[in-house]
Amino acid sequence: MYYVYVLRSHKDGKLYTGFTKDLRRRIEQHNRGQGIVTKGRAPFELVYYEACINKYDAIRREKYLKSGYGKRYLKNRLRNYFIEKEQ
């Protein structure tokens, strides 16, 4: 099983989307600063994830969520989460 995930940085509030086979380990790595793109932006919280049966579906889903349509999907899907963070 592979996971597509979205993290939110507590430092800058920005989202990061990725995929992995071991979700817990990967989040811990991001929080320890072991991600090249996310280094210096920790701590992170997991705000969304999806499970995929194989790697290729996870890669396609990650690319979609990083696209304009995917970002719009996440914004709508996580609408209540973002409203709570603004208050």
N, C-alpha and C. Protein backbone atom coordinates (compact mmCIF):
# COMPACT_ATOMS: atom_id res chain seq x y z
N MET A 1 0.84 -1.18 0.00
CA MET A 1 0.00 0.00 0.00
C MET A 1 0.89 1.24 0.00
N TYR A 2 0.50 2.24 -0.78
CA TYR A 2 1.21 3.52 -0.85
C TYR A 2 0.25 4.61 -0.40
N TYR A 3 0.82 5.67 0.13
CA TYR A 3 0.02 6.78 0.65
C TYR A 3 0.43 8.09 -0.01
N VAL A 4 -0.57 8.85 -0.39
CA VAL A 4 -0.37 10.23 -0.84
C VAL A 4 -0.79 11.08 0.35
N TYR A 5 0.03 12.05 0.71
CA TYR A 5 -0.24 12.80 1.93
C TYR A 5 -0.01 14.29 1.72
N VAL A 6 -0.67 15.06 2.58
CA VAL A 6 -0.51 16.52 2.57
C VAL A 6 -0.16 16.93 4.00
N LEU A 7 0.94 17.63 4.12
CA LEU A 7 1.39 18.15 5.41
C LEU A 7 1.25 19.66 5.41
N ARG A 8 1.01 20.22 6.59
CA ARG A 8 0.98 21.67 6.75
C ARG A 8 2.09 22.05 7.71
N SER A 9 2.91 23.00 7.29
CA SER A 9 4.00 23.49 8.12
C SER A 9 3.45 24.46 9.16
N HIS A 10 3.80 24.24 10.42
CA HIS A 10 3.42 25.19 11.47
C HIS A 10 4.25 26.46 11.37
N LYS A 11 5.40 26.35 10.74
CA LYS A 11 6.31 27.50 10.64
C LYS A 11 5.82 28.53 9.63
N ASP A 12 5.45 28.08 8.42
CA ASP A 12 5.03 29.04 7.39
C ASP A 12 3.60 28.84 6.90
N GLY A 13 2.91 27.80 7.40
CA GLY A 13 1.52 27.57 7.02
C GLY A 13 1.32 26.97 5.65
N LYS A 14 2.40 26.71 4.92
CA LYS A 14 2.29 26.17 3.57
C LYS A 14 2.09 24.66 3.61
N LEU A 15 1.49 24.16 2.52
CA LEU A 15 1.23 22.73 2.40
C LEU A 15 2.33 22.06 1.59
N TYR A 16 2.57 20.80 1.89
CA TYR A 16 3.51 19.98 1.14
C TYR A 16 2.80 18.67 0.81
N THR A 17 2.86 18.24 -0.44
CA THR A 17 2.24 17.01 -0.90
C THR A 17 3.31 16.03 -1.32
N GLY A 18 3.18 14.77 -0.89
CA GLY A 18 4.13 13.74 -1.27
C GLY A 18 3.48 12.38 -1.26
N PHE A 19 4.28 11.34 -1.55
CA PHE A 19 3.78 9.97 -1.45
C PHE A 19 4.86 9.10 -0.82
N THR A 20 4.43 8.02 -0.19
CA THR A 20 5.35 7.13 0.51
C THR A 20 4.71 5.77 0.73
N LYS A 21 5.53 4.82 1.06
CA LYS A 21 5.02 3.50 1.43
C LYS A 21 4.80 3.40 2.94
N ASP A 22 5.53 4.19 3.71
CA ASP A 22 5.43 4.16 5.17
C ASP A 22 5.13 5.58 5.67
N LEU A 23 3.86 5.86 5.86
CA LEU A 23 3.42 7.22 6.16
C LEU A 23 3.97 7.74 7.48
N ARG A 24 3.91 6.95 8.54
CA ARG A 24 4.39 7.42 9.84
C ARG A 24 5.88 7.74 9.81
N ARG A 25 6.66 6.86 9.21
CA ARG A 25 8.10 7.09 9.12
C ARG A 25 8.40 8.35 8.32
N ARG A 26 7.67 8.55 7.23
CA ARG A 26 7.93 9.72 6.37
C ARG A 26 7.59 11.02 7.09
N ILE A 27 6.51 11.05 7.84
CA ILE A 27 6.15 12.26 8.59
C ILE A 27 7.23 12.55 9.63
N GLU A 28 7.70 11.52 10.31
CA GLU A 28 8.78 11.70 11.29
C GLU A 28 10.04 12.26 10.62
N GLN A 29 10.35 11.77 9.43
CA GLN A 29 11.52 12.29 8.70
C GLN A 29 11.34 13.77 8.38
N HIS A 30 10.17 14.14 7.91
CA HIS A 30 9.92 15.56 7.62
C HIS A 30 10.08 16.40 8.89
N ASN A 31 9.57 15.92 10.00
CA ASN A 31 9.66 16.67 11.25
C ASN A 31 11.07 16.74 11.81
N ARG A 32 11.93 15.82 11.41
CA ARG A 32 13.34 15.86 11.82
C ARG A 32 14.20 16.66 10.83
N GLY A 33 13.57 17.21 9.80
CA GLY A 33 14.32 18.01 8.82
C GLY A 33 15.06 17.19 7.80
N GLN A 34 14.63 15.96 7.56
CA GLN A 34 15.32 15.08 6.64
C GLN A 34 14.76 15.11 5.22
N GLY A 35 13.81 15.98 4.95
CA GLY A 35 13.29 16.14 3.60
C GLY A 35 13.99 17.31 2.94
N ILE A 36 14.45 17.14 1.72
CA ILE A 36 15.19 18.20 1.02
C ILE A 36 14.32 19.44 0.84
N VAL A 37 13.12 19.26 0.36
CA VAL A 37 12.23 20.40 0.08
C VAL A 37 11.67 21.00 1.37
N THR A 38 11.44 20.16 2.37
CA THR A 38 10.79 20.63 3.59
C THR A 38 11.76 20.98 4.72
N LYS A 39 13.04 20.82 4.49
CA LYS A 39 14.03 21.11 5.53
C LYS A 39 13.89 22.56 5.98
N GLY A 40 13.84 22.77 7.27
CA GLY A 40 13.71 24.13 7.81
C GLY A 40 12.29 24.61 7.95
N ARG A 41 11.31 23.79 7.57
CA ARG A 41 9.91 24.20 7.67
C ARG A 41 9.15 23.43 8.75
N ALA A 42 9.83 22.57 9.48
CA ALA A 42 9.19 21.76 10.53
C ALA A 42 8.82 22.65 11.70
N PRO A 43 7.88 22.26 12.50
CA PRO A 43 7.15 21.00 12.52
C PRO A 43 5.98 21.00 11.54
N PHE A 44 5.55 19.77 11.21
CA PHE A 44 4.44 19.56 10.28
C PHE A 44 3.33 18.81 10.96
N GLU A 45 2.13 19.02 10.44
CA GLU A 45 1.01 18.19 10.85
C GLU A 45 0.39 17.59 9.60
N LEU A 46 -0.05 16.36 9.72
CA LEU A 46 -0.72 15.67 8.63
C LEU A 46 -2.14 16.22 8.54
N VAL A 47 -2.51 16.73 7.36
CA VAL A 47 -3.87 17.28 7.21
C VAL A 47 -4.73 16.45 6.28
N TYR A 48 -4.09 15.55 5.48
CA TYR A 48 -4.86 14.76 4.52
C TYR A 48 -4.00 13.62 4.04
N TYR A 49 -4.62 12.47 3.81
CA TYR A 49 -3.92 11.37 3.14
C TYR A 49 -4.91 10.45 2.45
N GLU A 50 -4.42 9.74 1.44
CA GLU A 50 -5.19 8.75 0.70
C GLU A 50 -4.32 7.52 0.55
N ALA A 51 -4.94 6.36 0.53
CA ALA A 51 -4.22 5.11 0.31
C ALA A 51 -4.41 4.67 -1.14
N CYS A 52 -3.34 4.18 -1.74
CA CYS A 52 -3.37 3.66 -3.10
C CYS A 52 -2.81 2.24 -3.10
N ILE A 53 -3.34 1.41 -3.97
CA ILE A 53 -2.91 0.01 -4.03
C ILE A 53 -1.49 -0.12 -4.58
N ASN A 54 -1.13 0.71 -5.56
CA ASN A 54 0.22 0.58 -6.12
C ASN A 54 0.90 1.94 -6.27
N LYS A 55 2.19 1.87 -6.49
CA LYS A 55 3.04 3.06 -6.55
C LYS A 55 2.63 4.00 -7.68
N TYR A 56 2.29 3.45 -8.82
CA TYR A 56 1.99 4.29 -9.99
C TYR A 56 0.71 5.09 -9.80
N ASP A 57 -0.28 4.50 -9.14
CA ASP A 57 -1.49 5.26 -8.83
C ASP A 57 -1.19 6.37 -7.83
N ALA A 58 -0.32 6.09 -6.87
CA ALA A 58 0.05 7.11 -5.87
C ALA A 58 0.79 8.26 -6.53
N ILE A 59 1.70 7.96 -7.45
CA ILE A 59 2.44 9.01 -8.16
C ILE A 59 1.48 9.88 -8.97
N ARG A 60 0.55 9.25 -9.67
CA ARG A 60 -0.42 10.02 -10.46
C ARG A 60 -1.28 10.90 -9.56
N ARG A 61 -1.70 10.35 -8.43
CA ARG A 61 -2.54 11.12 -7.52
C ARG A 61 -1.78 12.29 -6.91
N GLU A 62 -0.50 12.07 -6.57
CA GLU A 62 0.34 13.15 -6.05
C GLU A 62 0.46 14.26 -7.07
N LYS A 63 0.72 13.91 -8.32
CA LYS A 63 0.83 14.94 -9.37
C LYS A 63 -0.47 15.71 -9.52
N TYR A 64 -1.60 15.00 -9.44
CA TYR A 64 -2.89 15.68 -9.55
C TYR A 64 -3.07 16.66 -8.39
N LEU A 65 -2.79 16.23 -7.17
CA LEU A 65 -2.99 17.10 -6.01
C LEU A 65 -2.07 18.31 -6.03
N LYS A 66 -0.96 18.23 -6.75
CA LYS A 66 -0.05 19.37 -6.88
C LYS A 66 -0.47 20.32 -8.01
N SER A 67 -1.41 19.88 -8.85
CA SER A 67 -1.88 20.72 -9.96
C SER A 67 -2.88 21.75 -9.46
N GLY A 68 -3.24 22.67 -10.31
CA GLY A 68 -4.24 23.68 -9.96
C GLY A 68 -5.57 23.06 -9.58
N TYR A 69 -6.02 22.08 -10.36
CA TYR A 69 -7.28 21.40 -10.05
C TYR A 69 -7.17 20.64 -8.73
N GLY A 70 -6.04 20.01 -8.50
CA GLY A 70 -5.84 19.26 -7.26
C GLY A 70 -5.82 20.17 -6.05
N LYS A 71 -5.19 21.32 -6.17
CA LYS A 71 -5.17 22.28 -5.06
C LYS A 71 -6.57 22.78 -4.76
N ARG A 72 -7.35 22.98 -5.80
CA ARG A 72 -8.75 23.40 -5.62
C ARG A 72 -9.54 22.28 -4.93
N TYR A 73 -9.30 21.02 -5.34
CA TYR A 73 -9.94 19.87 -4.70
C TYR A 73 -9.62 19.84 -3.21
N LEU A 74 -8.33 19.99 -2.87
CA LEU A 74 -7.93 19.97 -1.45
C LEU A 74 -8.56 21.12 -0.67
N LYS A 75 -8.60 22.28 -1.28
CA LYS A 75 -9.19 23.44 -0.60
C LYS A 75 -10.66 23.17 -0.27
N ASN A 76 -11.38 22.58 -1.21
CA ASN A 76 -12.78 22.26 -0.97
C ASN A 76 -12.92 21.10 0.01
N ARG A 77 -12.08 20.10 -0.12
CA ARG A 77 -12.14 18.90 0.74
C ARG A 77 -11.81 19.25 2.19
N LEU A 78 -10.89 20.20 2.38
CA LEU A 78 -10.43 20.58 3.71
C LEU A 78 -11.00 21.93 4.15
N ARG A 79 -12.10 22.30 3.58
CA ARG A 79 -12.70 23.62 3.84
C ARG A 79 -12.83 23.91 5.33
N ASN A 80 -13.38 22.99 6.10
CA ASN A 80 -13.58 23.23 7.53
C ASN A 80 -12.25 23.32 8.27
N TYR A 81 -11.27 22.55 7.86
CA TYR A 81 -9.94 22.62 8.48
C TYR A 81 -9.36 24.02 8.33
N PHE A 82 -9.44 24.58 7.11
CA PHE A 82 -8.87 25.90 6.88
C PHE A 82 -9.66 26.99 7.58
N ILE A 83 -10.96 26.83 7.69
CA ILE A 83 -11.77 27.82 8.41
C ILE A 83 -11.38 27.85 9.88
N GLU A 84 -11.19 26.68 10.48
CA GLU A 84 -10.78 26.61 11.90
C GLU A 84 -9.42 27.22 12.12
N LYS A 85 -8.49 27.07 11.19
CA LYS A 85 -7.14 27.61 11.34
C LYS A 85 -7.13 29.13 11.25
N GLU A 86 -8.08 29.71 10.52
CA GLU A 86 -8.14 31.16 10.39
C GLU A 86 -8.68 31.81 11.66
N GLN A 87 -9.47 31.07 12.43
CA GLN A 87 -10.10 31.67 13.62
C GLN A 87 -9.18 31.66 14.81
